[in-house]
Every structure is written in structure tokens, then in C-alpha cells.
Amino acid sequence: MASILDMLHYGVISANDTIEFTFKGNVFQAKLLDGGLVGDCKLKRIHDRQPSDILKNVTAFSSLTAWTEACLQDILEEYYTRYSSWKRVTHCESKRSMGELRDQCKLLDKKKKTEDVGELYKEIKRTHTIIREMTQFMKTKGIDLPPHKSWKIYDIKPSKIECDDARDPIPTCDPKVSERIQLVMCKKRKVQELSNYF
């Protein structure tokens, strides 16, 4: 399970980012600190114009759950509330829940497990949703959508040739395809010129 420290390490979030959650109209905010800590806590009640500092007696909280429990219990005196911190706390800079960002962080870990594949599909689904929302927004604002690119698919499956002293055959591809790829990679030709090759 990824922690705030892991999320900082992978760059999913940054130190000094703001997190917040709302409970019965009360908005709690805090800063993410180096080391995966939560501190600089503030509360804006329903009728307040400006947030006020709270939980000054605590230097920093070591987890999201510890922070939300302190806010609910010590400030609002709500002791019997089941509150899912990772689902309810929002990362203000990205406007996403900390749970979503933690799931994204799991995908960056090089030691992926089979059960984490579901998180990958969740991230793909989230990206598709953003694309649909952006497209709809552009249409409602009368912004012209970029023209759709018609892609052509070329089969570049390697053909196998045997090497004299090798146990496995060496994969090769069509020389014309190889030349095109080299031109693109070496930036010898402009992309528009190369479209004639494909």
C-alpha cells in the first residue's frame, strides 16, 4: 500500500501541496510536508470568512488517517464517525482524491503485482473520462476540435534469419522500415516529409 511518502518520492504530489476535506460544512485544510507528514492545519467553519489555525499542539501528523481523526474528534467532537480518509481527502492542486493519487502511485512502482493491473485499467478509464469531458467542454464553448488523425498500421513483424553460431534466430525487420525509423530517430527529416514514406 503506497503512503504519502511514496507519493512524494514518485512525484505524484509535492511538498507544500494543500489537502482538504469537508465534514458537515466545515472545511479542514493542511499542507503536505517533507517526509510524508501532514501539518499546518486550518479550519474554515460554515460562517467564517477566513480559515483559522487548529491543532497547534501537534507538530505534524504521520498519516492521513491520524490527521482526519484529530480534526473530527478533537475539533468537532465527532467520535463515532466512520470516515475513509483516502477517499474523502482531496488534493487541491490536482482536484483528485488522495485515494486516486495513491492508486496512480502504485502504477509507478517497478515491483508491480498481478493484482495491481486493475489499477492500471482504472487509470486508463480516468484518462478516457477526462478526454470526453474536455471534448464536451470544447464543443459547448464553440472551440474547433483538432482534426482526427487517420493512422495507418504497418506490419513490421521481424522476420527470422539464422546466425551461424547463435542458438536463437536474430530478429530483423524490413530494411525500408528500419531506414524510416532511423530517419525519425535521428531527426534527419521533418515529420511531414516522412509522412510520404508511410
N, C-alpha and C. Protein backbone atom coordinates (compact mmCIF):
# COMPACT_ATOMS: atom_id res chain seq x y z
N MET A 1 0.84 -1.19 0.00
CA MET A 1 0.00 0.00 0.00
C MET A 1 0.88 1.24 0.00
N ALA A 2 0.68 2.14 -0.95
CA ALA A 2 1.50 3.34 -1.05
C ALA A 2 1.15 4.32 0.07
N SER A 3 2.16 5.01 0.56
CA SER A 3 1.97 6.00 1.62
C SER A 3 2.18 7.39 1.03
N ILE A 4 1.97 8.43 1.84
CA ILE A 4 2.21 9.79 1.39
C ILE A 4 3.68 9.95 1.00
N LEU A 5 4.56 9.33 1.75
CA LEU A 5 5.99 9.41 1.45
C LEU A 5 6.30 8.80 0.08
N ASP A 6 5.68 7.66 -0.24
CA ASP A 6 5.86 7.05 -1.56
C ASP A 6 5.37 7.99 -2.66
N MET A 7 4.23 8.62 -2.41
CA MET A 7 3.65 9.53 -3.40
C MET A 7 4.56 10.73 -3.64
N LEU A 8 5.19 11.23 -2.58
CA LEU A 8 6.16 12.31 -2.73
C LEU A 8 7.38 11.83 -3.52
N HIS A 9 7.84 10.63 -3.21
CA HIS A 9 9.02 10.05 -3.87
C HIS A 9 8.81 9.92 -5.38
N TYR A 10 7.62 9.47 -5.79
CA TYR A 10 7.34 9.26 -7.21
C TYR A 10 6.86 10.54 -7.92
N GLY A 11 6.73 11.64 -7.17
CA GLY A 11 6.33 12.91 -7.79
C GLY A 11 4.86 13.02 -8.10
N VAL A 12 4.04 12.16 -7.53
CA VAL A 12 2.59 12.25 -7.74
C VAL A 12 2.05 13.49 -7.03
N ILE A 13 2.62 13.81 -5.88
CA ILE A 13 2.31 15.02 -5.12
C ILE A 13 3.63 15.70 -4.77
N SER A 14 3.55 16.93 -4.27
CA SER A 14 4.76 17.66 -3.90
C SER A 14 4.63 18.20 -2.48
N ALA A 15 5.78 18.43 -1.85
CA ALA A 15 5.77 19.06 -0.54
C ALA A 15 5.16 20.46 -0.67
N ASN A 16 4.44 20.87 0.35
CA ASN A 16 3.72 22.15 0.42
C ASN A 16 2.43 22.18 -0.41
N ASP A 17 2.03 21.06 -0.99
CA ASP A 17 0.71 20.98 -1.60
C ASP A 17 -0.34 21.02 -0.50
N THR A 18 -1.54 21.43 -0.88
CA THR A 18 -2.63 21.55 0.09
C THR A 18 -3.61 20.39 -0.08
N ILE A 19 -4.07 19.86 1.04
CA ILE A 19 -5.12 18.84 1.03
C ILE A 19 -6.27 19.36 1.87
N GLU A 20 -7.48 18.87 1.58
CA GLU A 20 -8.64 19.32 2.36
C GLU A 20 -9.74 18.27 2.35
N PHE A 21 -10.62 18.37 3.34
CA PHE A 21 -11.84 17.57 3.35
C PHE A 21 -12.92 18.38 4.04
N THR A 22 -14.17 18.04 3.73
CA THR A 22 -15.32 18.75 4.29
C THR A 22 -16.15 17.78 5.11
N PHE A 23 -16.59 18.26 6.27
CA PHE A 23 -17.46 17.45 7.13
C PHE A 23 -18.50 18.38 7.75
N LYS A 24 -19.78 18.13 7.42
CA LYS A 24 -20.90 18.93 7.93
C LYS A 24 -20.67 20.43 7.71
N GLY A 25 -20.18 20.77 6.53
CA GLY A 25 -19.98 22.17 6.17
C GLY A 25 -18.68 22.76 6.66
N ASN A 26 -17.93 22.05 7.47
CA ASN A 26 -16.64 22.52 7.96
C ASN A 26 -15.54 22.05 7.02
N VAL A 27 -14.71 22.98 6.56
CA VAL A 27 -13.65 22.65 5.62
C VAL A 27 -12.31 22.63 6.37
N PHE A 28 -11.68 21.47 6.40
CA PHE A 28 -10.37 21.31 7.03
C PHE A 28 -9.30 21.30 5.95
N GLN A 29 -8.22 22.03 6.18
CA GLN A 29 -7.11 22.07 5.24
C GLN A 29 -5.80 21.80 5.96
N ALA A 30 -4.83 21.29 5.22
CA ALA A 30 -3.49 21.06 5.77
C ALA A 30 -2.49 21.06 4.62
N LYS A 31 -1.23 21.13 4.97
CA LYS A 31 -0.14 21.09 3.98
C LYS A 31 0.55 19.74 4.06
N LEU A 32 0.99 19.23 2.91
CA LEU A 32 1.82 18.04 2.86
C LEU A 32 3.26 18.49 3.06
N LEU A 33 3.93 17.88 4.01
CA LEU A 33 5.29 18.28 4.36
C LEU A 33 6.30 17.22 3.93
N ASP A 34 7.56 17.61 3.89
CA ASP A 34 8.62 16.65 3.59
C ASP A 34 8.56 15.49 4.58
N GLY A 35 8.91 14.31 4.10
CA GLY A 35 8.88 13.13 4.96
C GLY A 35 7.52 12.47 5.00
N GLY A 36 6.57 12.95 4.18
CA GLY A 36 5.24 12.35 4.15
C GLY A 36 4.38 12.74 5.33
N LEU A 37 4.64 13.90 5.92
CA LEU A 37 3.88 14.36 7.09
C LEU A 37 2.79 15.33 6.67
N VAL A 38 1.80 15.50 7.56
CA VAL A 38 0.69 16.43 7.34
C VAL A 38 0.75 17.46 8.47
N GLY A 39 0.75 18.74 8.12
CA GLY A 39 0.84 19.78 9.14
C GLY A 39 0.22 21.08 8.68
N ASP A 40 0.42 22.14 9.47
CA ASP A 40 -0.13 23.47 9.19
C ASP A 40 -1.64 23.39 8.96
N CYS A 41 -2.35 22.89 9.96
CA CYS A 41 -3.78 22.58 9.85
C CYS A 41 -4.64 23.83 10.04
N LYS A 42 -5.69 23.93 9.24
CA LYS A 42 -6.61 25.06 9.31
C LYS A 42 -8.05 24.56 9.22
N LEU A 43 -8.97 25.38 9.73
CA LEU A 43 -10.40 25.06 9.68
C LEU A 43 -11.16 26.30 9.27
N LYS A 44 -12.07 26.12 8.30
CA LYS A 44 -13.00 27.20 7.92
C LYS A 44 -14.40 26.69 8.18
N ARG A 45 -15.01 27.23 9.22
CA ARG A 45 -16.39 26.84 9.56
C ARG A 45 -17.36 27.49 8.59
N ILE A 46 -18.62 27.07 8.65
CA ILE A 46 -19.63 27.49 7.68
C ILE A 46 -19.73 29.02 7.57
N HIS A 47 -19.74 29.72 8.69
CA HIS A 47 -19.96 31.17 8.68
C HIS A 47 -18.66 31.98 8.75
N ASP A 48 -17.51 31.33 8.75
CA ASP A 48 -16.23 32.04 8.81
C ASP A 48 -15.85 32.58 7.44
N ARG A 49 -15.22 33.75 7.44
CA ARG A 49 -14.72 34.31 6.18
C ARG A 49 -13.32 33.80 5.89
N GLN A 50 -12.52 33.65 6.92
CA GLN A 50 -11.14 33.21 6.79
C GLN A 50 -10.92 31.94 7.62
N PRO A 51 -10.08 31.03 7.15
CA PRO A 51 -9.78 29.85 7.96
C PRO A 51 -8.92 30.23 9.17
N SER A 52 -9.07 29.45 10.24
CA SER A 52 -8.27 29.68 11.45
C SER A 52 -7.35 28.48 11.69
N ASP A 53 -6.22 28.73 12.35
CA ASP A 53 -5.26 27.67 12.66
C ASP A 53 -5.84 26.76 13.74
N ILE A 54 -5.62 25.46 13.59
CA ILE A 54 -6.09 24.48 14.57
C ILE A 54 -4.97 23.48 14.84
N LEU A 55 -5.16 22.69 15.88
CA LEU A 55 -4.24 21.60 16.25
C LEU A 55 -2.80 22.10 16.34
N LYS A 56 -2.62 23.26 16.96
CA LYS A 56 -1.29 23.85 17.08
C LYS A 56 -0.37 23.06 18.00
N ASN A 57 -0.97 22.26 18.89
CA ASN A 57 -0.15 21.49 19.83
C ASN A 57 0.53 20.28 19.18
N VAL A 58 0.17 19.97 17.93
CA VAL A 58 0.78 18.84 17.21
C VAL A 58 1.70 19.40 16.13
N THR A 59 2.94 18.96 16.14
CA THR A 59 3.90 19.44 15.13
C THR A 59 3.47 18.99 13.74
N ALA A 60 3.20 17.71 13.58
CA ALA A 60 2.76 17.15 12.30
C ALA A 60 2.17 15.77 12.54
N PHE A 61 1.32 15.36 11.62
CA PHE A 61 0.71 14.03 11.69
C PHE A 61 1.44 13.10 10.73
N SER A 62 1.59 11.86 11.13
CA SER A 62 2.35 10.90 10.32
C SER A 62 1.51 10.21 9.26
N SER A 63 0.20 10.40 9.31
CA SER A 63 -0.66 9.76 8.30
C SER A 63 -1.90 10.60 8.06
N LEU A 64 -2.55 10.33 6.94
CA LEU A 64 -3.79 11.00 6.58
C LEU A 64 -4.88 10.66 7.59
N THR A 65 -4.94 9.41 7.99
CA THR A 65 -5.96 8.96 8.94
C THR A 65 -5.80 9.65 10.29
N ALA A 66 -4.57 9.78 10.76
CA ALA A 66 -4.33 10.45 12.05
C ALA A 66 -4.79 11.90 11.99
N TRP A 67 -4.55 12.57 10.86
CA TRP A 67 -4.97 13.97 10.72
C TRP A 67 -6.49 14.10 10.71
N THR A 68 -7.17 13.30 9.89
CA THR A 68 -8.63 13.42 9.82
C THR A 68 -9.30 13.05 11.15
N GLU A 69 -8.78 12.03 11.83
CA GLU A 69 -9.35 11.65 13.13
C GLU A 69 -9.17 12.77 14.15
N ALA A 70 -8.02 13.41 14.15
CA ALA A 70 -7.79 14.52 15.08
C ALA A 70 -8.74 15.68 14.77
N CYS A 71 -8.95 15.96 13.49
CA CYS A 71 -9.88 17.03 13.11
C CYS A 71 -11.29 16.72 13.57
N LEU A 72 -11.75 15.51 13.31
CA LEU A 72 -13.12 15.14 13.65
C LEU A 72 -13.32 15.00 15.16
N GLN A 73 -12.39 14.36 15.83
CA GLN A 73 -12.57 14.08 17.25
C GLN A 73 -12.18 15.26 18.14
N ASP A 74 -11.00 15.83 17.92
CA ASP A 74 -10.52 16.89 18.80
C ASP A 74 -11.19 18.23 18.54
N ILE A 75 -11.55 18.51 17.30
CA ILE A 75 -12.14 19.81 16.96
C ILE A 75 -13.67 19.76 16.96
N LEU A 76 -14.25 18.79 16.26
CA LEU A 76 -15.71 18.72 16.15
C LEU A 76 -16.37 17.80 17.18
N GLU A 77 -15.55 17.05 17.92
CA GLU A 77 -16.04 16.10 18.92
C GLU A 77 -17.00 15.07 18.31
N GLU A 78 -16.63 14.61 17.13
CA GLU A 78 -17.38 13.54 16.44
C GLU A 78 -16.59 12.25 16.65
N TYR A 79 -17.02 11.44 17.60
CA TYR A 79 -16.23 10.27 17.99
C TYR A 79 -16.67 8.97 17.31
N TYR A 80 -17.87 8.91 16.82
CA TYR A 80 -18.39 7.64 16.30
C TYR A 80 -18.63 7.71 14.80
N THR A 81 -17.76 8.40 14.12
CA THR A 81 -17.90 8.58 12.68
C THR A 81 -16.91 7.67 11.95
N ARG A 82 -17.42 6.91 11.01
CA ARG A 82 -16.54 6.12 10.13
C ARG A 82 -16.22 7.00 8.93
N TYR A 83 -14.97 7.32 8.78
CA TYR A 83 -14.58 8.27 7.74
C TYR A 83 -13.39 7.72 6.96
N SER A 84 -13.57 7.51 5.67
CA SER A 84 -12.49 6.99 4.82
C SER A 84 -11.61 8.16 4.36
N SER A 85 -10.48 8.32 5.02
CA SER A 85 -9.61 9.46 4.75
C SER A 85 -9.15 9.50 3.29
N TRP A 86 -8.70 8.39 2.76
CA TRP A 86 -8.14 8.38 1.41
C TRP A 86 -9.18 8.71 0.35
N LYS A 87 -10.44 8.34 0.59
CA LYS A 87 -11.49 8.64 -0.39
C LYS A 87 -12.00 10.07 -0.26
N ARG A 88 -12.03 10.60 0.95
CA ARG A 88 -12.67 11.90 1.19
C ARG A 88 -11.71 13.09 1.13
N VAL A 89 -10.43 12.86 1.36
CA VAL A 89 -9.48 13.97 1.35
C VAL A 89 -9.08 14.27 -0.09
N THR A 90 -9.16 15.54 -0.45
CA THR A 90 -8.86 15.98 -1.82
C THR A 90 -7.52 16.68 -1.87
N HIS A 91 -6.76 16.37 -2.90
CA HIS A 91 -5.51 17.07 -3.18
C HIS A 91 -5.89 18.31 -4.00
N CYS A 92 -5.73 19.50 -3.42
CA CYS A 92 -6.26 20.73 -4.02
C CYS A 92 -5.63 21.06 -5.38
N GLU A 93 -4.35 20.80 -5.53
CA GLU A 93 -3.67 21.15 -6.79
C GLU A 93 -4.17 20.33 -7.97
N SER A 94 -4.48 19.08 -7.76
CA SER A 94 -4.93 18.22 -8.86
C SER A 94 -6.45 18.03 -8.88
N LYS A 95 -7.12 18.44 -7.79
CA LYS A 95 -8.59 18.26 -7.66
C LYS A 95 -8.99 16.79 -7.69
N ARG A 96 -8.08 15.93 -7.24
CA ARG A 96 -8.36 14.49 -7.19
C ARG A 96 -8.25 14.01 -5.76
N SER A 97 -8.93 12.91 -5.47
CA SER A 97 -8.85 12.36 -4.12
C SER A 97 -7.47 11.75 -3.89
N MET A 98 -7.08 11.73 -2.64
CA MET A 98 -5.78 11.14 -2.30
C MET A 98 -5.78 9.65 -2.63
N GLY A 99 -6.95 9.01 -2.56
CA GLY A 99 -7.05 7.59 -2.93
C GLY A 99 -6.73 7.36 -4.39
N GLU A 100 -7.24 8.23 -5.26
CA GLU A 100 -6.94 8.11 -6.69
C GLU A 100 -5.46 8.30 -6.95
N LEU A 101 -4.87 9.29 -6.28
CA LEU A 101 -3.45 9.55 -6.46
C LEU A 101 -2.60 8.40 -5.92
N ARG A 102 -3.06 7.79 -4.84
CA ARG A 102 -2.33 6.63 -4.29
C ARG A 102 -2.39 5.47 -5.27
N ASP A 103 -3.55 5.27 -5.91
CA ASP A 103 -3.67 4.21 -6.92
C ASP A 103 -2.74 4.48 -8.09
N GLN A 104 -2.63 5.74 -8.50
CA GLN A 104 -1.72 6.10 -9.58
C GLN A 104 -0.27 5.82 -9.18
N CYS A 105 0.04 6.08 -7.92
CA CYS A 105 1.40 5.86 -7.42
C CYS A 105 1.77 4.38 -7.50
N LYS A 106 0.79 3.50 -7.28
CA LYS A 106 1.06 2.06 -7.34
C LYS A 106 1.56 1.66 -8.73
N LEU A 107 1.07 2.35 -9.76
CA LEU A 107 1.46 2.02 -11.13
C LEU A 107 2.91 2.39 -11.41
N LEU A 108 3.46 3.32 -10.63
CA LEU A 108 4.83 3.77 -10.85
C LEU A 108 5.85 2.88 -10.17
N ASP A 109 5.37 2.02 -9.28
CA ASP A 109 6.27 1.12 -8.56
C ASP A 109 6.77 0.04 -9.52
N LYS A 110 8.08 -0.13 -9.58
CA LYS A 110 8.66 -1.11 -10.50
C LYS A 110 8.31 -2.53 -10.13
N LYS A 111 7.98 -2.80 -8.87
CA LYS A 111 7.63 -4.14 -8.43
C LYS A 111 6.13 -4.31 -8.50
N LYS A 112 5.59 -4.30 -9.70
CA LYS A 112 4.15 -4.42 -9.88
C LYS A 112 3.71 -5.84 -9.57
N LYS A 113 2.55 -5.94 -8.99
CA LYS A 113 1.96 -7.24 -8.71
C LYS A 113 0.80 -7.47 -9.67
N THR A 114 0.41 -8.70 -9.83
CA THR A 114 -0.67 -9.04 -10.75
C THR A 114 -1.96 -8.33 -10.37
N GLU A 115 -2.23 -8.22 -9.06
CA GLU A 115 -3.49 -7.59 -8.63
C GLU A 115 -3.52 -6.09 -8.90
N ASP A 116 -2.35 -5.47 -9.20
CA ASP A 116 -2.31 -4.05 -9.48
C ASP A 116 -2.74 -3.72 -10.91
N VAL A 117 -2.98 -4.73 -11.73
CA VAL A 117 -3.41 -4.50 -13.10
C VAL A 117 -4.74 -3.76 -13.11
N GLY A 118 -5.59 -4.05 -12.15
CA GLY A 118 -6.87 -3.34 -12.04
C GLY A 118 -6.69 -1.85 -11.90
N GLU A 119 -5.64 -1.44 -11.19
CA GLU A 119 -5.35 -0.02 -11.02
C GLU A 119 -4.97 0.61 -12.35
N LEU A 120 -4.26 -0.14 -13.18
CA LEU A 120 -3.88 0.37 -14.49
C LEU A 120 -5.12 0.65 -15.33
N TYR A 121 -6.08 -0.29 -15.32
CA TYR A 121 -7.31 -0.08 -16.08
C TYR A 121 -8.12 1.08 -15.51
N LYS A 122 -8.06 1.26 -14.20
CA LYS A 122 -8.77 2.39 -13.58
C LYS A 122 -8.17 3.71 -14.06
N GLU A 123 -6.85 3.75 -14.18
CA GLU A 123 -6.17 4.97 -14.66
C GLU A 123 -6.52 5.23 -16.13
N ILE A 124 -6.60 4.18 -16.94
CA ILE A 124 -6.99 4.33 -18.34
C ILE A 124 -8.42 4.87 -18.43
N LYS A 125 -9.30 4.33 -17.60
CA LYS A 125 -10.71 4.77 -17.58
C LYS A 125 -10.79 6.24 -17.18
N ARG A 126 -9.99 6.65 -16.19
CA ARG A 126 -9.99 8.04 -15.75
C ARG A 126 -9.51 8.96 -16.88
N THR A 127 -8.49 8.52 -17.62
CA THR A 127 -7.99 9.31 -18.74
C THR A 127 -9.04 9.45 -19.83
N HIS A 128 -9.75 8.38 -20.14
CA HIS A 128 -10.82 8.44 -21.14
C HIS A 128 -11.91 9.41 -20.70
N THR A 129 -12.24 9.40 -19.41
CA THR A 129 -13.28 10.30 -18.89
C THR A 129 -12.84 11.75 -19.05
N ILE A 130 -11.59 12.05 -18.74
CA ILE A 130 -11.08 13.41 -18.90
C ILE A 130 -11.14 13.85 -20.36
N ILE A 131 -10.78 12.96 -21.27
CA ILE A 131 -10.82 13.29 -22.70
C ILE A 131 -12.24 13.59 -23.13
N ARG A 132 -13.21 12.78 -22.69
CA ARG A 132 -14.61 13.02 -23.04
C ARG A 132 -15.08 14.36 -22.49
N GLU A 133 -14.74 14.66 -21.23
CA GLU A 133 -15.15 15.92 -20.61
C GLU A 133 -14.53 17.11 -21.33
N MET A 134 -13.25 17.00 -21.71
CA MET A 134 -12.60 18.10 -22.42
C MET A 134 -13.21 18.31 -23.80
N THR A 135 -13.53 17.22 -24.48
CA THR A 135 -14.16 17.31 -25.79
C THR A 135 -15.51 17.99 -25.70
N GLN A 136 -16.30 17.59 -24.69
CA GLN A 136 -17.63 18.18 -24.49
C GLN A 136 -17.51 19.67 -24.16
N PHE A 137 -16.54 20.03 -23.33
CA PHE A 137 -16.32 21.43 -22.97
C PHE A 137 -15.97 22.26 -24.20
N MET A 138 -15.09 21.72 -25.05
CA MET A 138 -14.68 22.44 -26.25
C MET A 138 -15.87 22.63 -27.19
N LYS A 139 -16.73 21.62 -27.28
CA LYS A 139 -17.91 21.73 -28.15
C LYS A 139 -18.87 22.79 -27.63
N THR A 140 -19.10 22.81 -26.31
CA THR A 140 -20.05 23.78 -25.74
C THR A 140 -19.51 25.21 -25.84
N LYS A 141 -18.21 25.39 -25.85
CA LYS A 141 -17.60 26.73 -25.97
C LYS A 141 -17.38 27.12 -27.43
N GLY A 142 -17.73 26.24 -28.35
CA GLY A 142 -17.57 26.53 -29.77
C GLY A 142 -16.13 26.48 -30.25
N ILE A 143 -15.29 25.79 -29.53
CA ILE A 143 -13.88 25.67 -29.92
C ILE A 143 -13.76 24.52 -30.91
N ASP A 144 -13.08 24.80 -32.03
CA ASP A 144 -12.91 23.76 -33.04
C ASP A 144 -12.02 22.66 -32.50
N LEU A 145 -12.47 21.44 -32.67
CA LEU A 145 -11.67 20.29 -32.26
C LEU A 145 -10.58 20.06 -33.29
N PRO A 146 -9.41 19.62 -32.86
CA PRO A 146 -8.36 19.33 -33.83
C PRO A 146 -8.80 18.22 -34.76
N PRO A 147 -8.32 18.25 -36.01
CA PRO A 147 -8.72 17.20 -36.95
C PRO A 147 -8.23 15.83 -36.48
N HIS A 148 -9.06 14.83 -36.74
CA HIS A 148 -8.68 13.48 -36.35
C HIS A 148 -7.59 12.97 -37.28
N LYS A 149 -6.61 12.35 -36.71
CA LYS A 149 -5.52 11.77 -37.49
C LYS A 149 -5.93 10.38 -37.93
N SER A 150 -5.83 10.15 -39.22
CA SER A 150 -6.13 8.79 -39.69
C SER A 150 -4.81 8.02 -39.71
N TRP A 151 -4.73 7.05 -38.84
CA TRP A 151 -3.49 6.29 -38.68
C TRP A 151 -3.50 5.07 -39.59
N LYS A 152 -2.35 4.77 -40.13
CA LYS A 152 -2.19 3.56 -40.91
C LYS A 152 -1.32 2.61 -40.09
N ILE A 153 -1.65 1.36 -40.12
CA ILE A 153 -0.89 0.37 -39.36
C ILE A 153 -0.07 -0.45 -40.33
N TYR A 154 1.21 -0.50 -40.07
CA TYR A 154 2.13 -1.28 -40.90
C TYR A 154 2.62 -2.47 -40.12
N ASP A 155 2.66 -3.57 -40.77
CA ASP A 155 3.14 -4.79 -40.14
C ASP A 155 4.65 -4.80 -40.20
N ILE A 156 5.29 -4.70 -39.06
CA ILE A 156 6.75 -4.74 -39.04
C ILE A 156 7.23 -5.91 -38.18
N LYS A 157 6.48 -6.98 -38.24
CA LYS A 157 6.91 -8.16 -37.50
C LYS A 157 8.27 -8.60 -38.02
N PRO A 158 9.18 -8.90 -37.12
CA PRO A 158 10.52 -9.28 -37.58
C PRO A 158 10.50 -10.63 -38.28
N SER A 159 11.29 -10.69 -39.34
CA SER A 159 11.49 -12.00 -39.97
C SER A 159 12.70 -12.63 -39.29
N LYS A 160 12.77 -13.94 -39.30
CA LYS A 160 13.85 -14.63 -38.58
C LYS A 160 14.91 -15.09 -39.57
N ILE A 161 16.15 -14.77 -39.25
CA ILE A 161 17.25 -15.33 -40.03
C ILE A 161 18.19 -16.04 -39.06
N GLU A 162 18.75 -17.08 -39.50
CA GLU A 162 19.63 -17.85 -38.63
C GLU A 162 21.04 -17.28 -38.64
N CYS A 163 21.63 -17.23 -37.49
CA CYS A 163 23.03 -16.79 -37.36
C CYS A 163 23.88 -18.06 -37.25
N ASP A 164 25.09 -18.00 -37.75
CA ASP A 164 25.95 -19.18 -37.79
C ASP A 164 26.16 -19.79 -36.41
N ASP A 165 26.55 -18.96 -35.44
CA ASP A 165 26.92 -19.53 -34.14
C ASP A 165 25.90 -19.22 -33.04
N ALA A 166 24.79 -18.65 -33.37
CA ALA A 166 23.80 -18.30 -32.34
C ALA A 166 22.80 -19.42 -32.16
N ARG A 167 22.34 -19.57 -30.93
CA ARG A 167 21.32 -20.59 -30.65
C ARG A 167 19.94 -20.11 -31.09
N ASP A 168 19.66 -18.80 -30.86
CA ASP A 168 18.35 -18.25 -31.22
C ASP A 168 18.48 -17.44 -32.50
N PRO A 169 17.45 -17.46 -33.32
CA PRO A 169 17.48 -16.65 -34.54
C PRO A 169 17.46 -15.16 -34.19
N ILE A 170 18.10 -14.35 -35.03
CA ILE A 170 18.15 -12.91 -34.80
C ILE A 170 16.95 -12.27 -35.49
N PRO A 171 16.16 -11.48 -34.75
CA PRO A 171 15.03 -10.82 -35.39
C PRO A 171 15.50 -9.65 -36.26
N THR A 172 14.94 -9.55 -37.44
CA THR A 172 15.24 -8.41 -38.31
C THR A 172 13.92 -7.89 -38.83
N CYS A 173 13.93 -6.66 -39.33
CA CYS A 173 12.72 -6.13 -39.93
C CYS A 173 13.04 -5.62 -41.33
N ASP A 174 12.03 -5.26 -42.05
CA ASP A 174 12.17 -4.78 -43.42
C ASP A 174 13.15 -3.61 -43.45
N PRO A 175 14.15 -3.61 -44.33
CA PRO A 175 15.15 -2.53 -44.37
C PRO A 175 14.54 -1.15 -44.59
N LYS A 176 13.46 -1.06 -45.38
CA LYS A 176 12.82 0.23 -45.62
C LYS A 176 12.22 0.79 -44.33
N VAL A 177 11.59 -0.08 -43.56
CA VAL A 177 11.00 0.34 -42.28
C VAL A 177 12.10 0.77 -41.33
N SER A 178 13.18 0.01 -41.30
CA SER A 178 14.32 0.35 -40.44
C SER A 178 14.90 1.71 -40.81
N GLU A 179 15.01 1.99 -42.10
CA GLU A 179 15.55 3.27 -42.55
C GLU A 179 14.63 4.42 -42.12
N ARG A 180 13.33 4.22 -42.27
CA ARG A 180 12.37 5.26 -41.86
C ARG A 180 12.47 5.56 -40.38
N ILE A 181 12.58 4.50 -39.59
CA ILE A 181 12.68 4.67 -38.14
C ILE A 181 13.95 5.43 -37.80
N GLN A 182 15.04 5.08 -38.45
CA GLN A 182 16.31 5.77 -38.18
C GLN A 182 16.23 7.25 -38.54
N LEU A 183 15.58 7.57 -39.66
CA LEU A 183 15.43 8.97 -40.06
C LEU A 183 14.65 9.76 -39.01
N VAL A 184 13.59 9.16 -38.50
CA VAL A 184 12.79 9.83 -37.48
C VAL A 184 13.61 10.01 -36.21
N MET A 185 14.27 8.94 -35.78
CA MET A 185 15.02 9.00 -34.53
C MET A 185 16.20 9.97 -34.62
N CYS A 186 16.83 10.05 -35.76
CA CYS A 186 17.98 10.94 -35.92
C CYS A 186 17.55 12.35 -36.31
N LYS A 187 16.24 12.53 -36.54
CA LYS A 187 15.68 13.83 -36.91
C LYS A 187 16.34 14.40 -38.16
N LYS A 188 16.66 13.49 -39.08
CA LYS A 188 17.26 13.93 -40.33
C LYS A 188 16.22 14.56 -41.25
N ARG A 189 15.00 14.09 -41.12
CA ARG A 189 13.93 14.62 -41.95
C ARG A 189 12.83 15.16 -41.06
N LYS A 190 12.07 16.09 -41.59
CA LYS A 190 10.93 16.60 -40.86
C LYS A 190 9.84 15.54 -40.86
N VAL A 191 9.00 15.60 -39.84
CA VAL A 191 7.93 14.62 -39.73
C VAL A 191 7.02 14.66 -40.95
N GLN A 192 6.76 15.88 -41.48
CA GLN A 192 5.88 15.98 -42.66
C GLN A 192 6.49 15.28 -43.86
N GLU A 193 7.80 15.41 -44.03
CA GLU A 193 8.45 14.74 -45.15
C GLU A 193 8.36 13.22 -44.99
N LEU A 194 8.47 12.78 -43.74
CA LEU A 194 8.46 11.35 -43.51
C LEU A 194 7.08 10.74 -43.74
N SER A 195 6.01 11.57 -43.64
CA SER A 195 4.68 11.02 -43.85
C SER A 195 4.52 10.43 -45.24
N ASN A 196 5.34 10.92 -46.19
CA ASN A 196 5.29 10.37 -47.54
C ASN A 196 5.78 8.93 -47.58
N TYR A 197 6.70 8.60 -46.67
CA TYR A 197 7.24 7.23 -46.62
C TYR A 197 6.18 6.25 -46.12
N PHE A 198 5.36 6.73 -45.20
CA PHE A 198 4.37 5.83 -44.57
C PHE A 198 3.14 5.87 -45.36
